[in-house]
Amino acid sequence: MLMADVNSKTKRKEWNSELMAEAIKLVREKKMGYLRAAKHFNVPRTTLFRLCQKSEFSPEEAATTTLGRKTVLGTTLENLLEDYILSMESKFHGLTRNDVRRMAYMLARRNRISYQ
């Protein structure tokens, strides 16, 4: 009996965004069904179904959705915080988890971002 590889990475979001956008477009235009489009473009059927339901987005926008929660700080501030953390690490001044949380909290307060 074979054991599952415990250290294997997940296979989430391994599909191509351009192919997913094309599949969404064809399904929405009713030129292909979910199963046929999923097999033809080699994308997960359940993901294709879920993204086709988001009719407020164009196929390209729906295909480029990100995984996980939305950021509280926004991508700009989050990238600035990340750059600062990495520069501090390169100078051998390690930051604890609480230090990073405190900095994120201060950034949110100074920029009047709701963090609740």
PDB file of N, CA and C in Angstrom:
ATOM      1  N   MET A   1       0.840  -1.164   0.000  1.00  0.00           N
ATOM      2  CA  MET A   1       0.000   0.000   0.000  1.00  0.00           C
ATOM      3  C   MET A   1       0.899   1.246   0.000  1.00  0.00           C
ATOM      4  N   LEU A   2       0.580   2.228  -0.880  1.00  0.00           N
ATOM      5  CA  LEU A   2       1.367   3.446  -0.981  1.00  0.00           C
ATOM      6  C   LEU A   2       0.817   4.514  -0.049  1.00  0.00           C
ATOM      7  N   MET A   3       1.712   5.241   0.570  1.00  0.00           N
ATOM      8  CA  MET A   3       1.312   6.341   1.438  1.00  0.00           C
ATOM      9  C   MET A   3       1.332   7.628   0.624  1.00  0.00           C
ATOM     10  N   ALA A   4       0.435   8.532   0.919  1.00  0.00           N
ATOM     11  CA  ALA A   4       0.400   9.831   0.239  1.00  0.00           C
ATOM     12  C   ALA A   4       1.622  10.639   0.654  1.00  0.00           C
ATOM     13  N   ASP A   5       2.135  11.403  -0.277  1.00  0.00           N
ATOM     14  CA  ASP A   5       3.290  12.246   0.012  1.00  0.00           C
ATOM     15  C   ASP A   5       2.849  13.394   0.912  1.00  0.00           C
ATOM     16  N   VAL A   6       3.319  13.400   2.128  1.00  0.00           N
ATOM     17  CA  VAL A   6       2.889  14.386   3.118  1.00  0.00           C
ATOM     18  C   VAL A   6       3.407  15.770   2.771  1.00  0.00           C
ATOM     19  N   ASN A   7       4.572  15.870   2.172  1.00  0.00           N
ATOM     20  CA  ASN A   7       5.187  17.158   1.899  1.00  0.00           C
ATOM     21  C   ASN A   7       4.838  17.721   0.523  1.00  0.00           C
ATOM     22  N   SER A   8       3.882  17.135  -0.169  1.00  0.00           N
ATOM     23  CA  SER A   8       3.565  17.627  -1.501  1.00  0.00           C
ATOM     24  C   SER A   8       2.860  18.970  -1.430  1.00  0.00           C
ATOM     25  N   LYS A   9       3.160  19.824  -2.378  1.00  0.00           N
ATOM     26  CA  LYS A   9       2.515  21.131  -2.467  1.00  0.00           C
ATOM     27  C   LYS A   9       1.119  20.952  -3.027  1.00  0.00           C
ATOM     28  N   THR A  10       0.265  21.926  -2.775  1.00  0.00           N
ATOM     29  CA  THR A  10      -1.090  21.852  -3.301  1.00  0.00           C
ATOM     30  C   THR A  10      -1.077  22.172  -4.786  1.00  0.00           C
ATOM     31  N   LYS A  11      -2.113  21.775  -5.459  1.00  0.00           N
ATOM     32  CA  LYS A  11      -2.213  22.009  -6.891  1.00  0.00           C
ATOM     33  C   LYS A  11      -3.199  23.130  -7.193  1.00  0.00           C
ATOM     34  N   ARG A  12      -3.342  24.054  -6.281  1.00  0.00           N
ATOM     35  CA  ARG A  12      -4.289  25.131  -6.467  1.00  0.00           C
ATOM     36  C   ARG A  12      -3.766  26.143  -7.465  1.00  0.00           C
ATOM     37  N   LYS A  13      -4.630  26.590  -8.318  1.00  0.00           N
ATOM     38  CA  LYS A  13      -4.390  27.639  -9.328  1.00  0.00           C
ATOM     39  C   LYS A  13      -3.188  27.296 -10.218  1.00  0.00           C
ATOM     40  N   GLU A  14      -3.128  26.087 -10.717  1.00  0.00           N
ATOM     41  CA  GLU A  14      -2.070  25.709 -11.641  1.00  0.00           C
ATOM     42  C   GLU A  14      -2.503  25.868 -13.091  1.00  0.00           C
ATOM     43  N   TRP A  15      -3.737  26.311 -13.324  1.00  0.00           N
ATOM     44  CA  TRP A  15      -4.235  26.459 -14.683  1.00  0.00           C
ATOM     45  C   TRP A  15      -3.816  27.800 -15.260  1.00  0.00           C
ATOM     46  N   ASN A  16      -3.858  27.869 -16.580  1.00  0.00           N
ATOM     47  CA  ASN A  16      -3.439  29.059 -17.312  1.00  0.00           C
ATOM     48  C   ASN A  16      -4.598  30.060 -17.357  1.00  0.00           C
ATOM     49  N   SER A  17      -4.329  31.316 -17.023  1.00  0.00           N
ATOM     50  CA  SER A  17      -5.372  32.342 -16.968  1.00  0.00           C
ATOM     51  C   SER A  17      -5.972  32.641 -18.334  1.00  0.00           C
ATOM     52  N   GLU A  18      -5.136  32.645 -19.382  1.00  0.00           N
ATOM     53  CA  GLU A  18      -5.649  32.928 -20.732  1.00  0.00           C
ATOM     54  C   GLU A  18      -6.596  31.826 -21.199  1.00  0.00           C
ATOM     55  N   LEU A  19      -6.229  30.578 -20.905  1.00  0.00           N
ATOM     56  CA  LEU A  19      -7.091  29.457 -21.287  1.00  0.00           C
ATOM     57  C   LEU A  19      -8.400  29.480 -20.500  1.00  0.00           C
ATOM     58  N   MET A  20      -8.305  29.831 -19.220  1.00  0.00           N
ATOM     59  CA  MET A  20      -9.513  29.917 -18.408  1.00  0.00           C
ATOM     60  C   MET A  20     -10.428  31.027 -18.920  1.00  0.00           C
ATOM     61  N   ALA A  21      -9.870  32.166 -19.310  1.00  0.00           N
ATOM     62  CA  ALA A  21     -10.677  33.275 -19.833  1.00  0.00           C
ATOM     63  C   ALA A  21     -11.382  32.860 -21.120  1.00  0.00           C
ATOM     64  N   GLU A  22     -10.681  32.137 -21.967  1.00  0.00           N
ATOM     65  CA  GLU A  22     -11.286  31.661 -23.220  1.00  0.00           C
ATOM     66  C   GLU A  22     -12.401  30.661 -22.939  1.00  0.00           C
ATOM     67  N   ALA A  23     -12.173  29.775 -21.978  1.00  0.00           N
ATOM     68  CA  ALA A  23     -13.197  28.795 -21.615  1.00  0.00           C
ATOM     69  C   ALA A  23     -14.431  29.490 -21.045  1.00  0.00           C
ATOM     70  N   ILE A  24     -14.227  30.487 -20.189  1.00  0.00           N
ATOM     71  CA  ILE A  24     -15.348  31.240 -19.616  1.00  0.00           C
ATOM     72  C   ILE A  24     -16.140  31.921 -20.721  1.00  0.00           C
ATOM     73  N   LYS A  25     -15.423  32.511 -21.663  1.00  0.00           N
ATOM     74  CA  LYS A  25     -16.073  33.212 -22.769  1.00  0.00           C
ATOM     75  C   LYS A  25     -16.957  32.264 -23.588  1.00  0.00           C
ATOM     76  N   LEU A  26     -16.429  31.088 -23.920  1.00  0.00           N
ATOM     77  CA  LEU A  26     -17.192  30.140 -24.726  1.00  0.00           C
ATOM     78  C   LEU A  26     -18.382  29.564 -23.961  1.00  0.00           C
ATOM     79  N   VAL A  27     -18.227  29.340 -22.665  1.00  0.00           N
ATOM     80  CA  VAL A  27     -19.339  28.815 -21.875  1.00  0.00           C
ATOM     81  C   VAL A  27     -20.431  29.870 -21.741  1.00  0.00           C
ATOM     82  N   ARG A  28     -20.037  31.120 -21.499  1.00  0.00           N
ATOM     83  CA  ARG A  28     -21.033  32.185 -21.369  1.00  0.00           C
ATOM     84  C   ARG A  28     -21.782  32.434 -22.675  1.00  0.00           C
ATOM     85  N   GLU A  29     -21.100  32.242 -23.805  1.00  0.00           N
ATOM     86  CA  GLU A  29     -21.742  32.407 -25.110  1.00  0.00           C
ATOM     87  C   GLU A  29     -22.520  31.160 -25.514  1.00  0.00           C
ATOM     88  N   LYS A  30     -22.512  30.143 -24.653  1.00  0.00           N
ATOM     89  CA  LYS A  30     -23.203  28.866 -24.873  1.00  0.00           C
ATOM     90  C   LYS A  30     -22.714  28.140 -26.132  1.00  0.00           C
ATOM     91  N   LYS A  31     -21.437  28.304 -26.436  1.00  0.00           N
ATOM     92  CA  LYS A  31     -20.839  27.578 -27.555  1.00  0.00           C
ATOM     93  C   LYS A  31     -20.236  26.254 -27.089  1.00  0.00           C
ATOM     94  N   MET A  32     -20.025  26.126 -25.769  1.00  0.00           N
ATOM     95  CA  MET A  32     -19.489  24.901 -25.176  1.00  0.00           C
ATOM     96  C   MET A  32     -20.112  24.725 -23.805  1.00  0.00           C
ATOM     97  N   GLY A  33     -20.182  23.489 -23.360  1.00  0.00           N
ATOM     98  CA  GLY A  33     -20.639  23.208 -22.011  1.00  0.00           C
ATOM     99  C   GLY A  33     -19.463  23.238 -21.051  1.00  0.00           C
ATOM    100  N   TYR A  34     -19.770  23.153 -19.751  1.00  0.00           N
ATOM    101  CA  TYR A  34     -18.715  23.213 -18.739  1.00  0.00           C
ATOM    102  C   TYR A  34     -17.731  22.067 -18.882  1.00  0.00           C
ATOM    103  N   LEU A  35     -18.233  20.860 -19.012  1.00  0.00           N
ATOM    104  CA  LEU A  35     -17.364  19.689 -19.058  1.00  0.00           C
ATOM    105  C   LEU A  35     -16.482  19.698 -20.302  1.00  0.00           C
ATOM    106  N   ARG A  36     -17.081  19.989 -21.443  1.00  0.00           N
ATOM    107  CA  ARG A  36     -16.315  19.999 -22.693  1.00  0.00           C
ATOM    108  C   ARG A  36     -15.256  21.096 -22.690  1.00  0.00           C
ATOM    109  N   ALA A  37     -15.625  22.294 -22.206  1.00  0.00           N
ATOM    110  CA  ALA A  37     -14.663  23.402 -22.148  1.00  0.00           C
ATOM    111  C   ALA A  37     -13.535  23.091 -21.166  1.00  0.00           C
ATOM    112  N   ALA A  38     -13.878  22.475 -20.039  1.00  0.00           N
ATOM    113  CA  ALA A  38     -12.860  22.139 -19.045  1.00  0.00           C
ATOM    114  C   ALA A  38     -11.856  21.138 -19.609  1.00  0.00           C
ATOM    115  N   LYS A  39     -12.350  20.141 -20.339  1.00  0.00           N
ATOM    116  CA  LYS A  39     -11.440  19.155 -20.933  1.00  0.00           C
ATOM    117  C   LYS A  39     -10.631  19.756 -22.076  1.00  0.00           C
ATOM    118  N   HIS A  40     -11.276  20.580 -22.914  1.00  0.00           N
ATOM    119  CA  HIS A  40     -10.600  21.159 -24.077  1.00  0.00           C
ATOM    120  C   HIS A  40      -9.481  22.121 -23.667  1.00  0.00           C
ATOM    121  N   PHE A  41      -9.747  22.968 -22.647  1.00  0.00           N
ATOM    122  CA  PHE A  41      -8.759  23.963 -22.219  1.00  0.00           C
ATOM    123  C   PHE A  41      -7.911  23.507 -21.041  1.00  0.00           C
ATOM    124  N   ASN A  42      -8.161  22.280 -20.550  1.00  0.00           N
ATOM    125  CA  ASN A  42      -7.394  21.696 -19.451  1.00  0.00           C
ATOM    126  C   ASN A  42      -7.438  22.579 -18.196  1.00  0.00           C
ATOM    127  N   VAL A  43      -8.667  22.932 -17.799  1.00  0.00           N
ATOM    128  CA  VAL A  43      -8.889  23.716 -16.587  1.00  0.00           C
ATOM    129  C   VAL A  43      -9.871  22.943 -15.706  1.00  0.00           C
ATOM    130  N   PRO A  44      -9.870  23.175 -14.399  1.00  0.00           N
ATOM    131  CA  PRO A  44     -10.796  22.459 -13.514  1.00  0.00           C
ATOM    132  C   PRO A  44     -12.256  22.850 -13.794  1.00  0.00           C
ATOM    133  N   ARG A  45     -13.110  21.859 -13.882  1.00  0.00           N
ATOM    134  CA  ARG A  45     -14.516  22.102 -14.218  1.00  0.00           C
ATOM    135  C   ARG A  45     -15.219  22.901 -13.136  1.00  0.00           C
ATOM    136  N   THR A  46     -14.960  22.566 -11.873  1.00  0.00           N
ATOM    137  CA  THR A  46     -15.643  23.269 -10.788  1.00  0.00           C
ATOM    138  C   THR A  46     -15.213  24.733 -10.714  1.00  0.00           C
ATOM    139  N   THR A  47     -13.949  24.994 -10.974  1.00  0.00           N
ATOM    140  CA  THR A  47     -13.468  26.376 -10.988  1.00  0.00           C
ATOM    141  C   THR A  47     -14.072  27.130 -12.158  1.00  0.00           C
ATOM    142  N   LEU A  48     -14.146  26.474 -13.304  1.00  0.00           N
ATOM    143  CA  LEU A  48     -14.771  27.094 -14.479  1.00  0.00           C
ATOM    144  C   LEU A  48     -16.223  27.441 -14.184  1.00  0.00           C
ATOM    145  N   PHE A  49     -16.935  26.528 -13.551  1.00  0.00           N
ATOM    146  CA  PHE A  49     -18.335  26.767 -13.200  1.00  0.00           C
ATOM    147  C   PHE A  49     -18.459  27.970 -12.259  1.00  0.00           C
ATOM    148  N   ARG A  50     -17.617  28.005 -11.227  1.00  0.00           N
ATOM    149  CA  ARG A  50     -17.668  29.085 -10.245  1.00  0.00           C
ATOM    150  C   ARG A  50     -17.353  30.436 -10.877  1.00  0.00           C
ATOM    151  N   LEU A  51     -16.341  30.483 -11.752  1.00  0.00           N
ATOM    152  CA  LEU A  51     -15.958  31.743 -12.367  1.00  0.00           C
ATOM    153  C   LEU A  51     -16.961  32.199 -13.424  1.00  0.00           C
ATOM    154  N   CYS A  52     -17.657  31.265 -14.059  1.00  0.00           N
ATOM    155  CA  CYS A  52     -18.690  31.638 -15.034  1.00  0.00           C
ATOM    156  C   CYS A  52     -19.885  32.281 -14.330  1.00  0.00           C
ATOM    157  N   GLN A  53     -20.106  31.945 -13.073  1.00  0.00           N
ATOM    158  CA  GLN A  53     -21.226  32.511 -12.335  1.00  0.00           C
ATOM    159  C   GLN A  53     -20.999  33.978 -11.980  1.00  0.00           C
ATOM    160  N   LYS A  54     -19.752  34.431 -11.998  1.00  0.00           N
ATOM    161  CA  LYS A  54     -19.437  35.826 -11.682  1.00  0.00           C
ATOM    162  C   LYS A  54     -19.686  36.685 -12.917  1.00  0.00           C
ATOM    163  N   SER A  55     -20.954  36.947 -13.199  1.00  0.00           N
ATOM    164  CA  SER A  55     -21.308  37.642 -14.436  1.00  0.00           C
ATOM    165  C   SER A  55     -20.960  39.124 -14.398  1.00  0.00           C
ATOM    166  N   GLU A  56     -20.675  39.684 -13.215  1.00  0.00           N
ATOM    167  CA  GLU A  56     -20.322  41.104 -13.148  1.00  0.00           C
ATOM    168  C   GLU A  56     -18.898  41.366 -13.635  1.00  0.00           C
ATOM    169  N   PHE A  57     -18.114  40.310 -13.794  1.00  0.00           N
ATOM    170  CA  PHE A  57     -16.745  40.443 -14.272  1.00  0.00           C
ATOM    171  C   PHE A  57     -16.640  39.970 -15.717  1.00  0.00           C
ATOM    172  N   SER A  58     -15.712  40.574 -16.459  1.00  0.00           N
ATOM    173  CA  SER A  58     -15.424  40.074 -17.801  1.00  0.00           C
ATOM    174  C   SER A  58     -14.682  38.745 -17.659  1.00  0.00           C
ATOM    175  N   PRO A  59     -14.606  37.956 -18.730  1.00  0.00           N
ATOM    176  CA  PRO A  59     -13.882  36.672 -18.616  1.00  0.00           C
ATOM    177  C   PRO A  59     -12.426  36.841 -18.171  1.00  0.00           C
ATOM    178  N   GLU A  60     -11.775  37.901 -18.643  1.00  0.00           N
ATOM    179  CA  GLU A  60     -10.373  38.125 -18.267  1.00  0.00           C
ATOM    180  C   GLU A  60     -10.254  38.469 -16.781  1.00  0.00           C
ATOM    181  N   GLU A  61     -11.173  39.308 -16.276  1.00  0.00           N
ATOM    182  CA  GLU A  61     -11.140  39.668 -14.862  1.00  0.00           C
ATOM    183  C   GLU A  61     -11.466  38.465 -13.979  1.00  0.00           C
ATOM    184  N   ALA A  62     -12.430  37.668 -14.401  1.00  0.00           N
ATOM    185  CA  ALA A  62     -12.805  36.491 -13.618  1.00  0.00           C
ATOM    186  C   ALA A  62     -11.659  35.484 -13.572  1.00  0.00           C
ATOM    187  N   ALA A  63     -10.920  35.353 -14.657  1.00  0.00           N
ATOM    188  CA  ALA A  63      -9.830  34.367 -14.712  1.00  0.00           C
ATOM    189  C   ALA A  63      -8.618  34.798 -13.912  1.00  0.00           C
ATOM    190  N   THR A  64      -8.479  36.080 -13.621  1.00  0.00           N
ATOM    191  CA  THR A  64      -7.306  36.550 -12.889  1.00  0.00           C
ATOM    192  C   THR A  64      -7.594  36.792 -11.417  1.00  0.00           C
ATOM    193  N   THR A  65      -8.662  36.203 -10.890  1.00  0.00           N
ATOM    194  CA  THR A  65      -8.948  36.353  -9.468  1.00  0.00           C
ATOM    195  C   THR A  65      -7.848  35.698  -8.651  1.00  0.00           C
ATOM    196  N   THR A  66      -7.595  36.257  -7.494  1.00  0.00           N
ATOM    197  CA  THR A  66      -6.541  35.728  -6.632  1.00  0.00           C
ATOM    198  C   THR A  66      -7.147  34.844  -5.550  1.00  0.00           C
ATOM    199  N   LEU A  67      -6.321  34.004  -4.985  1.00  0.00           N
ATOM    200  CA  LEU A  67      -6.752  33.117  -3.912  1.00  0.00           C
ATOM    201  C   LEU A  67      -6.635  33.827  -2.575  1.00  0.00           C
ATOM    202  N   GLY A  68      -7.403  33.391  -1.624  1.00  0.00           N
ATOM    203  CA  GLY A  68      -7.283  33.901  -0.269  1.00  0.00           C
ATOM    204  C   GLY A  68      -8.108  35.145  -0.004  1.00  0.00           C
ATOM    205  N   ARG A  69      -7.875  35.720   1.143  1.00  0.00           N
ATOM    206  CA  ARG A  69      -8.612  36.898   1.563  1.00  0.00           C
ATOM    207  C   ARG A  69      -8.107  38.140   0.837  1.00  0.00           C
ATOM    208  N   LYS A  70      -8.962  39.141   0.784  1.00  0.00           N
ATOM    209  CA  LYS A  70      -8.544  40.430   0.247  1.00  0.00           C
ATOM    210  C   LYS A  70      -7.674  41.116   1.291  1.00  0.00           C
ATOM    211  N   THR A  71      -6.703  41.893   0.842  1.00  0.00           N
ATOM    212  CA  THR A  71      -5.803  42.556   1.776  1.00  0.00           C
ATOM    213  C   THR A  71      -6.499  43.752   2.412  1.00  0.00           C
ATOM    214  N   VAL A  72      -6.207  44.001   3.656  1.00  0.00           N
ATOM    215  CA  VAL A  72      -6.771  45.148   4.363  1.00  0.00           C
ATOM    216  C   VAL A  72      -6.036  46.415   3.946  1.00  0.00           C
ATOM    217  N   LEU A  73      -4.722  46.330   3.825  1.00  0.00           N
ATOM    218  CA  LEU A  73      -3.917  47.503   3.514  1.00  0.00           C
ATOM    219  C   LEU A  73      -3.945  47.883   2.039  1.00  0.00           C
ATOM    220  N   GLY A  74      -4.326  46.976   1.193  1.00  0.00           N
ATOM    221  CA  GLY A  74      -4.216  47.239  -0.239  1.00  0.00           C
ATOM    222  C   GLY A  74      -2.860  46.778  -0.733  1.00  0.00           C
ATOM    223  N   THR A  75      -2.760  46.576  -2.023  1.00  0.00           N
ATOM    224  CA  THR A  75      -1.520  46.007  -2.557  1.00  0.00           C
ATOM    225  C   THR A  75      -0.345  46.961  -2.437  1.00  0.00           C
ATOM    226  N   THR A  76      -0.571  48.262  -2.578  1.00  0.00           N
ATOM    227  CA  THR A  76       0.539  49.220  -2.525  1.00  0.00           C
ATOM    228  C   THR A  76       1.178  49.244  -1.146  1.00  0.00           C
ATOM    229  N   LEU A  77       0.370  49.449  -0.125  1.00  0.00           N
ATOM    230  CA  LEU A  77       0.914  49.496   1.232  1.00  0.00           C
ATOM    231  C   LEU A  77       1.468  48.146   1.667  1.00  0.00           C
ATOM    232  N   GLU A  78       0.812  47.089   1.242  1.00  0.00           N
ATOM    233  CA  GLU A  78       1.301  45.768   1.602  1.00  0.00           C
ATOM    234  C   GLU A  78       2.675  45.505   0.977  1.00  0.00           C
ATOM    235  N   ASN A  79       2.855  45.932  -0.264  1.00  0.00           N
ATOM    236  CA  ASN A  79       4.161  45.763  -0.915  1.00  0.00           C
ATOM    237  C   ASN A  79       5.225  46.624  -0.246  1.00  0.00           C
ATOM    238  N   LEU A  80       4.863  47.844   0.186  1.00  0.00           N
ATOM    239  CA  LEU A  80       5.817  48.678   0.916  1.00  0.00           C
ATOM    240  C   LEU A  80       6.234  48.021   2.232  1.00  0.00           C
ATOM    241  N   LEU A  81       5.262  47.484   2.943  1.00  0.00           N
ATOM    242  CA  LEU A  81       5.561  46.791   4.194  1.00  0.00           C
ATOM    243  C   LEU A  81       6.448  45.575   3.949  1.00  0.00           C
ATOM    244  N   GLU A  82       6.147  44.841   2.896  1.00  0.00           N
ATOM    245  CA  GLU A  82       6.961  43.672   2.555  1.00  0.00           C
ATOM    246  C   GLU A  82       8.394  44.075   2.229  1.00  0.00           C
ATOM    247  N   ASP A  83       8.566  45.143   1.441  1.00  0.00           N
ATOM    248  CA  ASP A  83       9.915  45.614   1.101  1.00  0.00           C
ATOM    249  C   ASP A  83      10.687  46.036   2.350  1.00  0.00           C
ATOM    250  N   TYR A  84       9.998  46.706   3.277  1.00  0.00           N
ATOM    251  CA  TYR A  84      10.649  47.131   4.512  1.00  0.00           C
ATOM    252  C   TYR A  84      11.083  45.925   5.337  1.00  0.00           C
ATOM    253  N   ILE A  85      10.210  44.937   5.448  1.00  0.00           N
ATOM    254  CA  ILE A  85      10.531  43.733   6.217  1.00  0.00           C
ATOM    255  C   ILE A  85      11.731  43.016   5.604  1.00  0.00           C
ATOM    256  N   LEU A  86      11.747  42.912   4.273  1.00  0.00           N
ATOM    257  CA  LEU A  86      12.873  42.238   3.608  1.00  0.00           C
ATOM    258  C   LEU A  86      14.164  43.033   3.738  1.00  0.00           C
ATOM    259  N   SER A  87      14.086  44.371   3.719  1.00  0.00           N
ATOM    260  CA  SER A  87      15.309  45.165   3.889  1.00  0.00           C
ATOM    261  C   SER A  87      15.840  45.034   5.315  1.00  0.00           C
ATOM    262  N   MET A  88      14.935  44.968   6.293  1.00  0.00           N
ATOM    263  CA  MET A  88      15.376  44.770   7.671  1.00  0.00           C
ATOM    264  C   MET A  88      16.012  43.388   7.835  1.00  0.00           C
ATOM    265  N   GLU A  89      15.462  42.403   7.157  1.00  0.00           N
ATOM    266  CA  GLU A  89      16.035  41.058   7.225  1.00  0.00           C
ATOM    267  C   GLU A  89      17.424  41.025   6.598  1.00  0.00           C
ATOM    268  N   SER A  90      17.598  41.742   5.496  1.00  0.00           N
ATOM    269  CA  SER A  90      18.906  41.744   4.831  1.00  0.00           C
ATOM    270  C   SER A  90      19.976  42.421   5.694  1.00  0.00           C
ATOM    271  N   LYS A  91      19.540  43.279   6.630  1.00  0.00           N
ATOM    272  CA  LYS A  91      20.470  43.944   7.549  1.00  0.00           C
ATOM    273  C   LYS A  91      20.603  43.180   8.860  1.00  0.00           C
ATOM    274  N   PHE A  92      20.115  41.939   8.872  1.00  0.00           N
ATOM    275  CA  PHE A  92      20.190  41.051  10.030  1.00  0.00           C
ATOM    276  C   PHE A  92      19.455  41.608  11.250  1.00  0.00           C
ATOM    277  N   HIS A  93      18.398  42.368  11.011  1.00  0.00           N
ATOM    278  CA  HIS A  93      17.555  42.849  12.096  1.00  0.00           C
ATOM    279  C   HIS A  93      16.212  42.169  11.952  1.00  0.00           C
ATOM    280  N   GLY A  94      16.133  40.962  12.503  1.00  0.00           N
ATOM    281  CA  GLY A  94      14.924  40.172  12.349  1.00  0.00           C
ATOM    282  C   GLY A  94      13.735  40.799  13.063  1.00  0.00           C
ATOM    283  N   LEU A  95      12.591  40.693  12.469  1.00  0.00           N
ATOM    284  CA  LEU A  95      11.363  41.205  13.066  1.00  0.00           C
ATOM    285  C   LEU A  95      10.498  40.030  13.493  1.00  0.00           C
ATOM    286  N   THR A  96       9.914  40.165  14.658  1.00  0.00           N
ATOM    287  CA  THR A  96       9.029  39.111  15.130  1.00  0.00           C
ATOM    288  C   THR A  96       7.658  39.285  14.488  1.00  0.00           C
ATOM    289  N   ARG A  97       6.823  38.307  14.694  1.00  0.00           N
ATOM    290  CA  ARG A  97       5.463  38.372  14.183  1.00  0.00           C
ATOM    291  C   ARG A  97       4.714  39.563  14.785  1.00  0.00           C
ATOM    292  N   ASN A  98       4.940  39.786  16.055  1.00  0.00           N
ATOM    293  CA  ASN A  98       4.285  40.912  16.719  1.00  0.00           C
ATOM    294  C   ASN A  98       4.786  42.246  16.176  1.00  0.00           C
ATOM    295  N   ASP A  99       6.081  42.340  15.831  1.00  0.00           N
ATOM    296  CA  ASP A  99       6.607  43.570  15.228  1.00  0.00           C
ATOM    297  C   ASP A  99       5.901  43.868  13.908  1.00  0.00           C
ATOM    298  N   VAL A 100       5.733  42.848  13.096  1.00  0.00           N
ATOM    299  CA  VAL A 100       5.078  43.023  11.794  1.00  0.00           C
ATOM    300  C   VAL A 100       3.618  43.404  11.982  1.00  0.00           C
ATOM    301  N   ARG A 101       2.956  42.771  12.931  1.00  0.00           N
ATOM    302  CA  ARG A 101       1.558  43.113  13.213  1.00  0.00           C
ATOM    303  C   ARG A 101       1.429  44.562  13.669  1.00  0.00           C
ATOM    304  N   ARG A 102       2.336  44.979  14.537  1.00  0.00           N
ATOM    305  CA  ARG A 102       2.320  46.342  15.045  1.00  0.00           C
ATOM    306  C   ARG A 102       2.526  47.348  13.911  1.00  0.00           C
ATOM    307  N   MET A 103       3.453  47.057  13.007  1.00  0.00           N
ATOM    308  CA  MET A 103       3.698  47.953  11.877  1.00  0.00           C
ATOM    309  C   MET A 103       2.489  48.012  10.948  1.00  0.00           C
ATOM    310  N   ALA A 104       1.854  46.885  10.708  1.00  0.00           N
ATOM    311  CA  ALA A 104       0.660  46.859   9.864  1.00  0.00           C
ATOM    312  C   ALA A 104      -0.470  47.649  10.509  1.00  0.00           C
ATOM    313  N   TYR A 105      -0.617  47.532  11.814  1.00  0.00           N
ATOM    314  CA  TYR A 105      -1.632  48.278  12.548  1.00  0.00           C
ATOM    315  C   TYR A 105      -1.372  49.785  12.435  1.00  0.00           C
ATOM    316  N   MET A 106      -0.114  50.187  12.628  1.00  0.00           N
ATOM    317  CA  MET A 106       0.225  51.611  12.536  1.00  0.00           C
ATOM    318  C   MET A 106      -0.001  52.140  11.126  1.00  0.00           C
ATOM    319  N   LEU A 107       0.332  51.348  10.116  1.00  0.00           N
ATOM    320  CA  LEU A 107       0.081  51.764   8.725  1.00  0.00           C
ATOM    321  C   LEU A 107      -1.411  51.967   8.473  1.00  0.00           C
ATOM    322  N   ALA A 108      -2.217  51.066   8.972  1.00  0.00           N
ATOM    323  CA  ALA A 108      -3.669  51.175   8.783  1.00  0.00           C
ATOM    324  C   ALA A 108      -4.218  52.404   9.492  1.00  0.00           C
ATOM    325  N   ARG A 109      -3.739  52.675  10.693  1.00  0.00           N
ATOM    326  CA  ARG A 109      -4.225  53.856  11.429  1.00  0.00           C
ATOM    327  C   ARG A 109      -3.801  55.147  10.762  1.00  0.00           C
ATOM    328  N   ARG A 110      -2.546  55.230  10.336  1.00  0.00           N
ATOM    329  CA  ARG A 110      -2.046  56.468   9.714  1.00  0.00           C
ATOM    330  C   ARG A 110      -2.729  56.755   8.379  1.00  0.00           C
ATOM    331  N   ASN A 111      -3.135  55.708   7.676  1.00  0.00           N
ATOM    332  CA  ASN A 111      -3.786  55.889   6.381  1.00  0.00           C
ATOM    333  C   ASN A 111      -5.314  55.825   6.483  1.00  0.00           C
ATOM    334  N   ARG A 112      -5.819  55.833   7.709  1.00  0.00           N
ATOM    335  CA  ARG A 112      -7.260  55.825   7.982  1.00  0.00           C
ATOM    336  C   ARG A 112      -7.980  54.690   7.262  1.00  0.00           C
ATOM    337  N   ILE A 113      -7.421  53.506   7.386  1.00  0.00           N
ATOM    338  CA  ILE A 113      -7.999  52.306   6.775  1.00  0.00           C
ATOM    339  C   ILE A 113      -8.711  51.538   7.859  1.00  0.00           C
ATOM    340  N   SER A 114      -9.941  51.130   7.584  1.00  0.00           N
ATOM    341  CA  SER A 114     -10.689  50.343   8.547  1.00  0.00           C
ATOM    342  C   SER A 114     -10.065  48.964   8.655  1.00  0.00           C
ATOM    343  N   TYR A 115      -9.680  48.578   9.844  1.00  0.00           N
ATOM    344  CA  TYR A 115      -8.994  47.302  10.051  1.00  0.00           C
ATOM    345  C   TYR A 115      -9.800  46.368  10.926  1.00  0.00           C
ATOM    346  N   GLN A 116     -11.063  46.608  11.107  1.00  0.00           N
ATOM    347  CA  GLN A 116     -11.903  45.778  11.960  1.00  0.00           C
ATOM    348  C   GLN A 116     -12.419  44.602  11.219  1.00  0.00           C
TER     349      GLN A 116
END
